[in-house]
Protein backbone atom coordinates (compact mmCIF):
# COMPACT_ATOMS: atom_id res chain seq x y z
CA UNK A 1 -26.72 133.09 -239.81
CA UNK A 2 -23.96 130.27 -239.13
CA UNK A 3 -20.78 131.36 -237.24
CA UNK A 4 -17.89 130.72 -239.70
CA UNK A 5 -15.34 127.92 -238.25
CA UNK A 6 -11.77 129.82 -237.06
CA UNK A 7 -9.25 126.53 -237.20
CA UNK A 8 -6.65 129.11 -235.18
CA UNK A 9 -9.14 128.79 -232.25
CA UNK A 10 -7.74 125.14 -231.99
CA UNK A 11 -3.94 126.27 -231.33
CA UNK A 12 -3.17 126.25 -227.56
CA UNK A 13 -1.36 129.25 -227.13
CA UNK A 14 -0.94 129.11 -223.31
CA UNK A 15 2.34 129.68 -222.22
CA UNK A 16 1.97 127.45 -219.20
CA UNK A 17 1.23 124.46 -220.92
CA UNK A 18 4.20 125.44 -223.47
CA UNK A 19 6.19 125.29 -220.63
CA UNK A 20 4.97 122.14 -218.86
CA UNK A 21 5.63 120.16 -222.48
CA UNK A 22 8.71 121.93 -223.02
CA UNK A 23 9.98 120.52 -219.09
CA UNK A 24 8.50 117.26 -220.15
CA UNK A 25 10.38 116.94 -223.11
CA UNK A 26 13.52 117.89 -221.33
CA UNK A 27 12.92 115.81 -218.35
CA UNK A 28 12.84 112.48 -220.36
CA UNK A 29 17.12 113.04 -220.77
CA UNK A 30 17.45 113.60 -216.94
CA UNK A 31 18.73 110.31 -215.04
CA UNK A 32 19.96 110.50 -211.70
CA UNK A 33 20.09 114.48 -211.35
CA UNK A 34 22.28 114.91 -214.76
CA UNK A 35 21.41 114.67 -218.52
CA UNK A 36 22.04 111.53 -220.24
CA UNK A 37 24.69 112.59 -222.67
CA UNK A 38 26.72 113.95 -220.36
CA UNK A 39 29.80 112.42 -219.13
CA UNK A 40 29.42 110.95 -216.10
CA UNK A 41 32.97 111.78 -214.47
CA UNK A 42 32.09 115.42 -215.57
CA UNK A 43 29.17 114.98 -212.76
CA UNK A 44 31.28 113.07 -210.30
CA UNK A 45 33.91 115.54 -210.50
CA UNK A 46 32.04 118.49 -209.90
CA UNK A 47 30.37 116.65 -206.74
CA UNK A 48 34.00 116.24 -205.74
CA UNK A 49 34.73 120.17 -205.88
CA UNK A 50 31.38 120.99 -204.41
CA UNK A 51 32.60 118.97 -201.16
CA UNK A 52 36.12 120.88 -200.83
CA UNK A 53 36.15 123.39 -198.16
CA UNK A 54 35.60 127.10 -198.99
CA UNK A 55 34.09 125.99 -202.38
CA UNK A 56 30.81 127.22 -201.54
CA UNK A 57 31.47 130.72 -200.70
CA UNK A 58 33.43 130.87 -203.92
CA UNK A 59 30.65 129.32 -205.98
CA UNK A 60 28.52 132.48 -204.40
CA UNK A 61 30.94 134.97 -205.21
CA UNK A 62 31.16 134.02 -208.63
CA UNK A 63 27.68 133.42 -209.67
CA UNK A 64 26.46 136.18 -207.95
CA UNK A 65 29.21 139.03 -208.24
CA UNK A 66 31.69 137.91 -210.99
CA UNK A 67 29.85 136.68 -213.96
CA UNK A 68 27.24 139.27 -213.61
CA UNK A 69 30.04 141.99 -213.63
CA UNK A 70 31.72 140.40 -216.64
CA UNK A 71 28.60 139.70 -218.31
CA UNK A 72 27.95 143.90 -218.12
CA UNK A 73 31.40 144.62 -219.37
CA UNK A 74 30.76 142.38 -222.52
CA UNK A 75 27.39 143.89 -223.02
CA UNK A 76 28.29 147.04 -222.92
CA UNK A 77 31.51 146.57 -225.37
CA UNK A 78 29.87 143.97 -227.86
CA UNK A 79 26.89 143.60 -230.53
CA UNK A 80 24.59 141.05 -230.37
CA UNK A 81 23.91 138.74 -232.91
CA UNK A 82 20.78 138.63 -234.16
CA UNK A 83 18.68 138.08 -237.96
CA UNK A 84 20.31 141.14 -239.01
CA UNK A 85 23.60 141.25 -237.71
CA UNK A 86 25.97 138.17 -237.48
CA UNK A 87 23.57 136.37 -238.78
CA UNK A 88 25.33 133.05 -238.73
CA UNK A 89 26.17 133.34 -235.09
CA UNK A 90 22.20 133.55 -234.44
CA UNK A 91 21.41 130.80 -236.70
CA UNK A 92 23.44 128.59 -235.04
CA UNK A 93 22.29 129.79 -231.82
CA UNK A 94 18.81 128.97 -232.68
CA UNK A 95 19.35 125.26 -234.35
CA UNK A 96 21.73 124.67 -231.15
CA UNK A 97 18.84 125.54 -228.31
CA UNK A 98 16.23 123.56 -230.33
CA UNK A 99 18.30 120.13 -230.46
CA UNK A 100 19.25 120.45 -226.93
CA UNK A 101 15.64 121.74 -225.55
CA UNK A 102 17.25 124.88 -223.66
CA UNK A 103 15.91 128.62 -224.17
CA UNK A 104 17.76 130.53 -227.12
CA UNK A 105 20.85 132.23 -224.96
CA UNK A 106 21.94 135.70 -225.82
CA UNK A 107 24.76 135.53 -228.37
CA UNK A 108 27.38 138.87 -228.01
CA UNK A 109 30.03 139.60 -230.48
CA UNK A 110 33.23 141.30 -229.54
CA UNK A 111 36.08 143.02 -231.56
CA UNK A 112 38.65 140.14 -232.25
CA UNK A 113 41.64 139.95 -230.54
CA UNK A 114 44.87 137.82 -231.29
CA UNK A 115 42.94 134.74 -230.61
CA UNK A 116 39.66 133.66 -231.69
CA UNK A 117 37.77 132.85 -228.79
CA UNK A 118 34.44 131.67 -227.61
CA UNK A 119 32.86 131.04 -224.13
CA UNK A 120 29.46 131.04 -222.05
CA UNK A 121 28.31 131.92 -218.85
CA UNK A 122 25.33 131.95 -216.64
CA UNK A 123 24.67 133.65 -212.99
CA UNK A 124 22.39 135.27 -210.94
CA UNK A 125 20.67 138.38 -212.41
CA UNK A 126 21.51 137.61 -215.94
CA UNK A 127 20.57 135.75 -219.24
CA UNK A 128 22.72 132.74 -220.51
CA UNK A 129 24.74 134.43 -222.79
CA UNK A 130 27.66 133.04 -225.31
CA UNK A 131 30.48 135.34 -226.27
CA UNK A 132 32.73 134.96 -229.48
CA UNK A 133 35.13 137.26 -230.82
CA UNK A 134 33.78 138.45 -234.16
CA UNK A 135 36.54 136.76 -236.42
CA UNK A 136 34.62 133.61 -235.61
CA UNK A 137 31.10 134.95 -235.94
CA UNK A 138 32.49 136.60 -239.62
CA UNK A 139 34.77 133.73 -240.84
CA UNK A 140 33.79 130.60 -239.33
CA UNK A 141 31.56 128.18 -241.79
CA UNK A 142 28.42 127.29 -240.59
CA UNK A 143 29.21 123.92 -239.22
CA UNK A 144 32.02 125.55 -237.34
CA UNK A 145 29.94 127.68 -235.75
CA UNK A 146 27.39 125.27 -234.64
CA UNK A 147 29.55 123.10 -232.86
CA UNK A 148 31.68 125.31 -231.23
CA UNK A 149 27.54 127.07 -230.21
CA UNK A 150 26.72 123.67 -229.08
CA UNK A 151 29.46 123.03 -226.86
CA UNK A 152 28.82 126.53 -225.17
CA UNK A 153 25.29 125.56 -225.26
CA UNK A 154 26.02 122.30 -223.56
CA UNK A 155 28.14 124.14 -221.01
CA UNK A 156 25.38 126.50 -220.19
CA UNK A 157 23.08 123.24 -219.77
CA UNK A 158 25.38 121.37 -217.36
CA UNK A 159 26.44 124.52 -215.44
CA UNK A 160 29.87 124.37 -215.93
CA UNK A 161 30.30 128.38 -215.78
CA UNK A 162 30.95 128.88 -212.17
CA UNK A 163 33.93 125.90 -212.60
CA UNK A 164 35.21 127.69 -215.66
CA UNK A 165 35.22 130.78 -214.03
CA UNK A 166 37.02 129.59 -210.76
CA UNK A 167 40.67 130.00 -212.49
CA UNK A 168 40.47 133.96 -212.42
CA UNK A 169 40.83 133.16 -208.54
CA UNK A 170 44.66 133.69 -206.99
CA UNK A 171 46.13 130.19 -206.41
CA UNK A 172 44.24 128.31 -209.13
CA UNK A 173 45.83 128.19 -212.49
CA UNK A 174 44.36 126.72 -216.01
CA UNK A 175 46.63 123.60 -216.90
CA UNK A 176 48.51 123.28 -213.20
CA UNK A 177 47.59 119.90 -212.62
CA UNK A 178 50.70 119.51 -209.58
CA UNK A 179 49.61 117.03 -207.16
CA UNK A 180 48.19 118.88 -204.09
CA UNK A 181 51.00 117.01 -201.59
CA UNK A 182 53.31 119.35 -203.63
CA UNK A 183 54.00 123.00 -202.03
CA UNK A 184 52.92 124.58 -198.93
CA UNK A 185 50.67 126.89 -198.26
CA UNK A 186 46.62 126.54 -198.23
CA UNK A 187 46.01 123.09 -198.87
CA UNK A 188 42.16 123.61 -199.95
CA UNK A 189 43.39 125.86 -202.79
CA UNK A 190 45.90 123.48 -203.93
CA UNK A 191 43.59 120.57 -203.99
CA UNK A 192 40.67 122.95 -205.64
CA UNK A 193 43.17 123.76 -208.25
CA UNK A 194 44.20 120.14 -208.55
CA UNK A 195 40.28 118.80 -208.83
CA UNK A 196 39.48 121.95 -211.38
CA UNK A 197 42.09 120.76 -214.02
CA UNK A 198 41.54 117.11 -213.52
CA UNK A 199 37.75 118.51 -214.27
CA UNK A 200 38.27 120.43 -217.23
CA UNK A 201 39.16 117.33 -219.73
CA UNK A 202 35.80 115.59 -218.20
CA UNK A 203 33.94 118.92 -218.92
CA UNK A 204 35.35 118.89 -222.28
CA UNK A 205 34.23 115.59 -223.10
CA UNK A 206 30.51 116.78 -222.21
CA UNK A 207 30.54 119.70 -224.32
CA UNK A 208 31.92 118.29 -227.04
CA UNK A 209 28.84 115.71 -227.12
CA UNK A 210 26.60 118.53 -226.94
CA UNK A 211 28.29 120.15 -230.05
CA UNK A 212 27.90 116.88 -231.91
CA UNK A 213 24.27 116.43 -231.26
CA UNK A 214 23.76 119.85 -232.68
CA UNK A 215 25.58 118.95 -235.91
CA UNK A 216 23.82 118.36 -239.04
CA UNK A 217 26.28 115.44 -239.92
CA UNK A 218 27.64 114.26 -236.65
CA UNK A 219 30.08 112.43 -238.53
CA UNK A 220 32.02 115.19 -239.78
CA UNK A 221 32.93 116.08 -236.50
CA UNK A 222 36.34 115.22 -236.40
CA UNK A 223 37.11 117.68 -239.62
CA UNK A 224 35.30 120.23 -238.12
CA UNK A 225 37.36 120.05 -234.78
CA UNK A 226 40.41 119.86 -236.55
CA UNK A 227 39.42 122.98 -238.90
CA UNK A 228 38.75 124.71 -235.51
CA UNK A 229 41.98 124.10 -234.23
CA UNK A 230 43.94 124.91 -237.39
CA UNK A 231 41.93 128.41 -237.17
CA UNK A 232 43.66 129.09 -233.60
CA UNK A 233 40.99 128.47 -231.51
CA UNK A 234 42.85 127.36 -228.01
CA UNK A 235 41.74 124.25 -226.03
CA UNK A 236 40.15 124.52 -222.36
CA UNK A 237 44.06 124.76 -221.14
CA UNK A 238 44.84 127.82 -223.46
CA UNK A 239 46.91 125.44 -225.99
CA UNK A 240 47.02 126.28 -229.86
CA UNK A 241 47.34 123.64 -232.17
CA UNK A 242 47.32 124.48 -235.84
CA UNK A 243 49.42 121.50 -236.64
CA UNK A 244 46.76 118.68 -235.90
CA UNK A 245 47.19 115.56 -238.32
CA UNK A 246 43.62 114.43 -238.16
CA UNK A 247 44.37 111.98 -240.92
CA UNK A 248 47.06 110.32 -238.49
CA UNK A 249 44.27 110.49 -235.53
CA UNK A 250 41.28 109.09 -237.74
CA UNK A 251 43.74 105.84 -238.67
CA UNK A 252 45.11 105.20 -235.00
CA UNK A 253 41.37 105.58 -234.14
CA UNK A 254 39.98 102.92 -236.31
CA UNK A 255 42.34 100.40 -234.78
CA UNK A 256 41.40 101.99 -231.04
CA UNK A 257 37.44 101.73 -231.97
CA UNK A 258 37.53 98.13 -232.27
CA UNK A 259 39.80 97.32 -229.53
CA UNK A 260 38.24 95.80 -226.48
CA UNK A 261 38.26 97.69 -223.14
CA UNK A 262 41.07 95.83 -221.16
CA UNK A 263 43.38 96.57 -224.06
CA UNK A 264 42.57 99.77 -224.13
CA UNK A 265 45.92 101.73 -224.31
CA UNK A 266 46.35 105.91 -224.78
CA UNK A 267 49.89 106.23 -223.24
CA UNK A 268 51.91 108.56 -225.29
CA UNK A 269 48.36 110.19 -227.39
CA UNK A 270 48.04 113.82 -227.44
CA UNK A 271 45.31 115.76 -225.60
CA UNK A 272 43.67 116.32 -229.11
CA UNK A 273 43.79 112.51 -229.90
CA UNK A 274 41.98 111.67 -226.42
CA UNK A 275 39.56 114.23 -226.96
CA UNK A 276 38.66 113.09 -230.50
CA UNK A 277 38.41 109.38 -229.89
CA UNK A 278 35.98 110.00 -226.69
CA UNK A 279 33.79 112.14 -228.70
CA UNK A 280 34.03 109.33 -231.92
CA UNK A 281 32.99 106.98 -229.17
CA UNK A 282 29.63 108.80 -228.69
CA UNK A 283 28.67 109.23 -232.28
CA UNK A 284 28.23 105.26 -231.71
CA UNK A 285 26.16 105.60 -228.45
CA UNK A 286 22.41 105.01 -228.33
CA UNK A 287 22.04 108.17 -226.81
CA UNK A 288 23.23 110.74 -229.63
CA UNK A 289 20.12 108.93 -231.75
CA UNK A 290 17.56 109.45 -228.41
CA UNK A 291 18.70 113.16 -229.08
CA UNK A 292 18.52 112.99 -232.85
CA UNK A 293 15.89 110.65 -234.02
CA UNK A 294 16.05 112.09 -237.69
CA UNK A 295 19.49 110.34 -237.83
CA UNK A 296 20.56 107.01 -239.23
CA UNK A 297 22.42 104.70 -236.52
CA UNK A 298 25.68 103.71 -238.32
CA UNK A 299 25.29 100.40 -239.92
CA UNK A 300 22.04 100.03 -237.51
CA UNK A 301 24.04 99.23 -234.61
CA UNK A 302 25.00 101.71 -231.52
CA UNK A 303 26.54 100.84 -228.17
CA UNK A 304 25.24 101.55 -224.63
CA UNK A 305 25.86 104.77 -222.14
CA UNK A 306 27.50 102.29 -219.94
CA UNK A 307 29.84 100.95 -222.28
CA UNK A 308 30.57 104.55 -223.72
CA UNK A 309 31.38 105.87 -220.60
CA UNK A 310 33.88 102.95 -219.72
CA UNK A 311 35.63 103.38 -222.79
CA UNK A 312 35.64 107.53 -222.47
CA UNK A 313 36.93 106.97 -218.64
CA UNK A 314 39.99 105.20 -220.03
CA UNK A 315 40.54 107.32 -223.23
CA UNK A 316 40.48 110.79 -221.11
CA UNK A 317 42.27 109.39 -217.99
CA UNK A 318 44.78 106.87 -218.67
CA UNK A 319 48.23 108.57 -217.98
CA UNK A 320 46.18 111.92 -218.66
CA UNK A 321 48.73 114.67 -219.42
CA UNK A 322 47.41 117.52 -221.22
CA UNK A 323 50.77 119.50 -222.43
CA UNK A 324 50.95 120.83 -225.71
């Protein structure tokens, strides 16, 4: 009697082998300790924050106490997104985690308030988590969800959680970029407040790149970004801009995109225009097409990461105001 051949026996079901393969794939995108798509200034600013006196103690308190505590409160008062409930949000999280090569985060949906909101958190003893209000989960399009969830997956992947949560502490105010030489009081708190607010701009650029990687069609980014702003989703400083004129911004970007670095001038540009311009530069970068080999690069030509970072630094930080 001859044993029948079972092709299923050829499938490697070893979790250890899977983990090794997953890590190998992920590590291909890590350069100098940071992900290749991340904005260099994001990493540099977080390194600077890490050197400020008192940050290490604050960081420990945030990741070991504050974030786990908030997660528990959200978990008790929210519904988990899954294949049967809030399926669009769950599918967006699945797609984004696959494209960014991270584990699927927990997605919690809480009752909508006055403002549509989405955030992410990661800390000791809790699974990485994305929390959104029910209006986003129920009424936003699949592309809008994919971009928003992709941005938060990028924040998780680049360990932004503790830096964002620091704004809950006294003396640290979101949107306050007054010079650390102003006012009296604790100089280390003033310095931390100043640098954290400067970091937000760079952190947004990294997050937007992650969101773009997750989109089915990255070139749709500007229309998707404008749509979520018009629906009332605030920016990272809490500003809402429902009157965003995406056509005017894109018309300006057409000239900006072909302007040599030495002649770039962002004076008078709004925070939204700067953010969109920085993201559009990424769409023309080779890094996007390394993450998304299924996409065809525009006109067969893409720019280098080095060129991207120089242009984005000027776009984001020259005369960098952020008032609405």
